[in-house]
Every structure is written in C-alpha cells, then in structure tokens.
C-alpha cells in the first residue's frame, strides 16, 4: 500500500503529533460511517491539514488524508477557504 502523505513529504511522526495536538477547524458530523474533522497543525514551521474520522464507540481515529494547504485556496491563517 502506498501512502500519499509520504509522496507529499509528510512524516508519520508529524502526522501523529498533528492529530494529537491539532486544532479542529471544520466538523463534518454527518459523514459516514463516522463523523470527520479537518485539523490544522504546524509541523516543521509548515501548515498541515489532516482529515480524520472518529469512531466514538471504539475511541479510534482514522486518518483519511493529509496535505499541505494551498495558500491560494486558504486564508492566511489556513483556517478558512478563500471566497
């Protein structure tokens, strides 16, 4: 299995830390099979977005995707999409 986060130059330790310490900037509570969340974190002085799904019954978090937000699409603080 090939992981896109590695292709994007993102390290596993940085992603784990970001999931643990990141800020929830969007919630997708109606997502299935589990609610999901967009997290913002800073790793190595670079912003990172992580989408995670949370299985409350098992207290498990699944990383859906990880990417570096495009400054042309996101606000200067990377918390909101530009209009």
N, C-alpha and C. Protein backbone atom coordinates (compact mmCIF):
# COMPACT_ATOMS: atom_id res chain seq x y z
N UNK A 1 0.84 -1.17 0.00
CA UNK A 1 0.00 0.00 0.00
C UNK A 1 0.89 1.24 0.00
N UNK A 2 0.58 2.18 -0.86
CA UNK A 2 1.35 3.41 -0.96
C UNK A 2 0.55 4.54 -0.32
N UNK A 3 1.21 5.34 0.50
CA UNK A 3 0.53 6.43 1.19
C UNK A 3 0.91 7.75 0.55
N UNK A 4 -0.11 8.53 0.19
CA UNK A 4 0.11 9.83 -0.45
C UNK A 4 0.85 10.80 0.46
N UNK A 5 0.65 10.68 1.78
CA UNK A 5 1.32 11.61 2.69
C UNK A 5 2.83 11.52 2.54
N UNK A 6 3.35 10.31 2.28
CA UNK A 6 4.79 10.15 2.10
C UNK A 6 5.22 10.78 0.77
N UNK A 7 4.38 10.62 -0.26
CA UNK A 7 4.65 11.25 -1.55
C UNK A 7 4.69 12.76 -1.40
N UNK A 8 3.91 13.28 -0.49
CA UNK A 8 3.84 14.73 -0.24
C UNK A 8 4.93 15.20 0.72
N UNK A 9 5.80 14.30 1.15
CA UNK A 9 6.91 14.66 2.02
C UNK A 9 6.54 14.82 3.48
N UNK A 10 5.40 14.28 3.89
CA UNK A 10 4.95 14.39 5.27
C UNK A 10 5.37 13.15 6.05
N UNK A 11 5.87 13.34 7.23
CA UNK A 11 6.38 12.24 8.06
C UNK A 11 5.31 11.73 9.02
N UNK A 12 5.34 10.43 9.26
CA UNK A 12 4.36 9.79 10.15
C UNK A 12 4.35 10.44 11.53
N UNK A 13 5.51 10.69 12.11
CA UNK A 13 5.57 11.29 13.45
C UNK A 13 4.91 12.66 13.47
N UNK A 14 5.10 13.44 12.40
CA UNK A 14 4.48 14.76 12.32
C UNK A 14 2.97 14.65 12.25
N UNK A 15 2.48 13.65 11.52
CA UNK A 15 1.04 13.46 11.39
C UNK A 15 0.44 13.01 12.72
N UNK A 16 1.09 12.08 13.40
CA UNK A 16 0.59 11.61 14.70
C UNK A 16 0.53 12.77 15.68
N UNK A 17 1.58 13.58 15.72
CA UNK A 17 1.60 14.74 16.60
C UNK A 17 0.50 15.73 16.22
N UNK A 18 0.30 15.94 14.94
CA UNK A 18 -0.72 16.86 14.47
C UNK A 18 -2.12 16.40 14.84
N UNK A 19 -2.38 15.11 14.74
CA UNK A 19 -3.69 14.57 15.14
C UNK A 19 -3.89 14.77 16.63
N UNK A 20 -2.85 14.55 17.39
CA UNK A 20 -2.94 14.69 18.85
C UNK A 20 -3.12 16.14 19.28
N UNK A 21 -2.39 17.06 18.64
CA UNK A 21 -2.33 18.44 19.10
C UNK A 21 -3.01 19.44 18.18
N UNK A 22 -3.48 18.99 17.01
CA UNK A 22 -4.04 19.91 16.02
C UNK A 22 -5.34 20.57 16.48
N UNK A 23 -5.67 21.63 15.80
CA UNK A 23 -6.89 22.39 16.07
C UNK A 23 -7.97 21.97 15.07
N UNK A 24 -9.15 21.65 15.58
CA UNK A 24 -10.28 21.34 14.70
C UNK A 24 -10.75 22.65 14.08
N UNK A 25 -10.72 22.73 12.74
CA UNK A 25 -11.17 23.94 12.08
C UNK A 25 -12.47 23.73 11.31
N UNK A 26 -12.84 22.48 11.05
CA UNK A 26 -14.14 22.18 10.45
C UNK A 26 -14.61 20.82 10.95
N UNK A 27 -15.92 20.71 11.10
CA UNK A 27 -16.53 19.45 11.52
C UNK A 27 -17.49 18.98 10.43
N UNK A 28 -17.47 17.70 10.15
CA UNK A 28 -18.37 17.08 9.19
C UNK A 28 -19.13 15.97 9.94
N UNK A 29 -20.04 16.40 10.78
CA UNK A 29 -20.69 15.48 11.72
C UNK A 29 -21.61 14.48 11.06
N UNK A 30 -22.05 14.76 9.83
CA UNK A 30 -22.95 13.83 9.13
C UNK A 30 -22.21 12.86 8.22
N UNK A 31 -20.88 12.92 8.20
CA UNK A 31 -20.12 11.97 7.39
C UNK A 31 -20.37 10.54 7.86
N UNK A 32 -20.28 9.61 6.94
CA UNK A 32 -20.49 8.19 7.23
C UNK A 32 -19.25 7.41 6.82
N UNK A 33 -18.87 6.39 7.50
CA UNK A 33 -19.57 5.77 8.63
C UNK A 33 -19.34 6.49 9.95
N UNK A 34 -18.38 7.46 9.99
CA UNK A 34 -18.10 8.17 11.24
C UNK A 34 -18.01 9.66 10.96
N UNK A 35 -18.31 10.49 11.95
CA UNK A 35 -18.10 11.92 11.78
C UNK A 35 -16.62 12.18 11.49
N UNK A 36 -16.36 13.22 10.71
CA UNK A 36 -14.96 13.54 10.42
C UNK A 36 -14.68 15.00 10.73
N UNK A 37 -13.39 15.31 10.79
CA UNK A 37 -12.93 16.62 11.23
C UNK A 37 -11.72 17.02 10.41
N UNK A 38 -11.64 18.31 10.10
CA UNK A 38 -10.46 18.87 9.46
C UNK A 38 -9.63 19.54 10.54
N UNK A 39 -8.39 19.09 10.68
CA UNK A 39 -7.49 19.62 11.68
C UNK A 39 -6.42 20.49 11.02
N UNK A 40 -6.00 21.52 11.73
CA UNK A 40 -4.87 22.34 11.32
C UNK A 40 -3.76 22.15 12.32
N UNK A 41 -2.57 21.90 11.82
CA UNK A 41 -1.40 21.78 12.69
C UNK A 41 -0.21 22.41 11.97
N UNK A 42 0.80 22.73 12.73
CA UNK A 42 2.05 23.25 12.17
C UNK A 42 3.14 22.22 12.46
N UNK A 43 3.80 21.77 11.41
CA UNK A 43 4.90 20.80 11.56
C UNK A 43 6.10 21.35 10.81
N UNK A 44 7.22 21.45 11.48
CA UNK A 44 8.43 22.00 10.87
C UNK A 44 8.18 23.37 10.25
N UNK A 45 7.41 24.18 10.98
CA UNK A 45 7.07 25.54 10.55
C UNK A 45 6.23 25.60 9.28
N UNK A 46 5.59 24.50 8.93
CA UNK A 46 4.72 24.45 7.76
C UNK A 46 3.31 24.03 8.18
N UNK A 47 2.27 24.66 7.61
CA UNK A 47 0.90 24.25 7.94
C UNK A 47 0.58 22.89 7.34
N UNK A 48 -0.26 22.16 8.03
CA UNK A 48 -0.68 20.84 7.59
C UNK A 48 -2.17 20.70 7.89
N UNK A 49 -2.93 20.18 6.94
CA UNK A 49 -4.33 19.82 7.16
C UNK A 49 -4.44 18.31 7.22
N UNK A 50 -5.20 17.83 8.19
CA UNK A 50 -5.43 16.40 8.35
C UNK A 50 -6.93 16.20 8.48
N UNK A 51 -7.48 15.32 7.66
CA UNK A 51 -8.88 14.94 7.82
C UNK A 51 -8.89 13.60 8.54
N UNK A 52 -9.63 13.55 9.65
CA UNK A 52 -9.73 12.32 10.43
C UNK A 52 -11.19 11.97 10.61
N UNK A 53 -11.46 10.68 10.74
CA UNK A 53 -12.79 10.18 11.10
C UNK A 53 -12.66 9.60 12.50
N UNK A 54 -13.71 9.78 13.29
CA UNK A 54 -13.65 9.35 14.69
C UNK A 54 -14.77 8.37 15.00
N UNK A 55 -14.39 7.15 15.39
CA UNK A 55 -15.32 6.12 15.83
C UNK A 55 -15.43 6.22 17.34
N UNK A 56 -16.45 6.91 17.80
CA UNK A 56 -16.63 7.16 19.23
C UNK A 56 -16.79 5.86 20.02
N UNK A 57 -17.50 4.87 19.45
CA UNK A 57 -17.76 3.62 20.16
C UNK A 57 -16.47 2.88 20.52
N UNK A 58 -15.49 2.94 19.65
CA UNK A 58 -14.22 2.25 19.89
C UNK A 58 -13.10 3.21 20.27
N UNK A 59 -13.42 4.51 20.32
CA UNK A 59 -12.42 5.54 20.61
C UNK A 59 -11.21 5.40 19.67
N UNK A 60 -11.52 5.29 18.36
CA UNK A 60 -10.49 5.14 17.34
C UNK A 60 -10.56 6.31 16.37
N UNK A 61 -9.39 6.76 15.95
CA UNK A 61 -9.28 7.84 14.97
C UNK A 61 -8.64 7.26 13.71
N UNK A 62 -9.24 7.57 12.57
CA UNK A 62 -8.73 7.11 11.28
C UNK A 62 -8.28 8.32 10.48
N UNK A 63 -7.06 8.31 10.02
CA UNK A 63 -6.56 9.39 9.17
C UNK A 63 -7.08 9.13 7.76
N UNK A 64 -7.83 10.10 7.22
CA UNK A 64 -8.41 9.98 5.88
C UNK A 64 -7.43 10.54 4.85
N UNK A 65 -6.94 11.73 5.11
CA UNK A 65 -5.96 12.35 4.20
C UNK A 65 -5.16 13.40 4.96
N UNK A 66 -3.99 13.68 4.41
CA UNK A 66 -3.09 14.68 4.97
C UNK A 66 -2.53 15.47 3.79
N UNK A 67 -2.53 16.80 3.93
CA UNK A 67 -1.97 17.61 2.85
C UNK A 67 -1.50 18.96 3.38
N UNK A 68 -0.68 19.61 2.61
CA UNK A 68 -0.24 20.98 2.92
C UNK A 68 -1.21 21.91 2.20
N UNK A 69 -1.90 22.77 2.96
CA UNK A 69 -2.91 23.63 2.33
C UNK A 69 -2.29 24.64 1.36
N UNK A 70 -2.98 24.85 0.27
CA UNK A 70 -2.55 25.80 -0.76
C UNK A 70 -2.91 27.22 -0.31
N UNK A 71 -1.93 28.12 -0.25
CA UNK A 71 -2.22 29.47 0.22
C UNK A 71 -3.09 30.27 -0.74
N UNK A 72 -3.28 29.78 -1.96
CA UNK A 72 -4.20 30.42 -2.90
C UNK A 72 -5.65 30.03 -2.61
N UNK A 73 -5.84 28.93 -1.90
CA UNK A 73 -7.19 28.43 -1.61
C UNK A 73 -7.60 28.77 -0.19
N UNK A 74 -6.64 28.81 0.72
CA UNK A 74 -6.92 29.01 2.14
C UNK A 74 -6.49 30.41 2.59
N UNK A 75 -7.17 30.90 3.64
CA UNK A 75 -6.83 32.20 4.23
C UNK A 75 -5.40 32.18 4.76
N UNK A 76 -4.89 33.34 5.11
CA UNK A 76 -3.51 33.45 5.59
C UNK A 76 -3.23 32.60 6.81
N UNK A 77 -4.25 32.35 7.64
CA UNK A 77 -4.05 31.51 8.83
C UNK A 77 -4.43 30.05 8.57
N UNK A 78 -4.81 29.72 7.34
CA UNK A 78 -5.14 28.36 6.89
C UNK A 78 -6.35 27.76 7.59
N UNK A 79 -7.21 28.60 8.18
CA UNK A 79 -8.38 28.12 8.89
C UNK A 79 -9.67 28.18 8.07
N UNK A 80 -9.68 28.99 7.01
CA UNK A 80 -10.90 29.15 6.20
C UNK A 80 -10.53 29.22 4.73
N UNK A 81 -11.43 28.66 3.93
CA UNK A 81 -11.24 28.75 2.47
C UNK A 81 -11.49 30.19 2.03
N UNK A 82 -10.72 30.61 1.05
CA UNK A 82 -10.95 31.93 0.47
C UNK A 82 -12.25 31.88 -0.34
N UNK A 83 -12.90 33.00 -0.42
CA UNK A 83 -14.16 33.06 -1.17
C UNK A 83 -13.92 33.49 -2.59
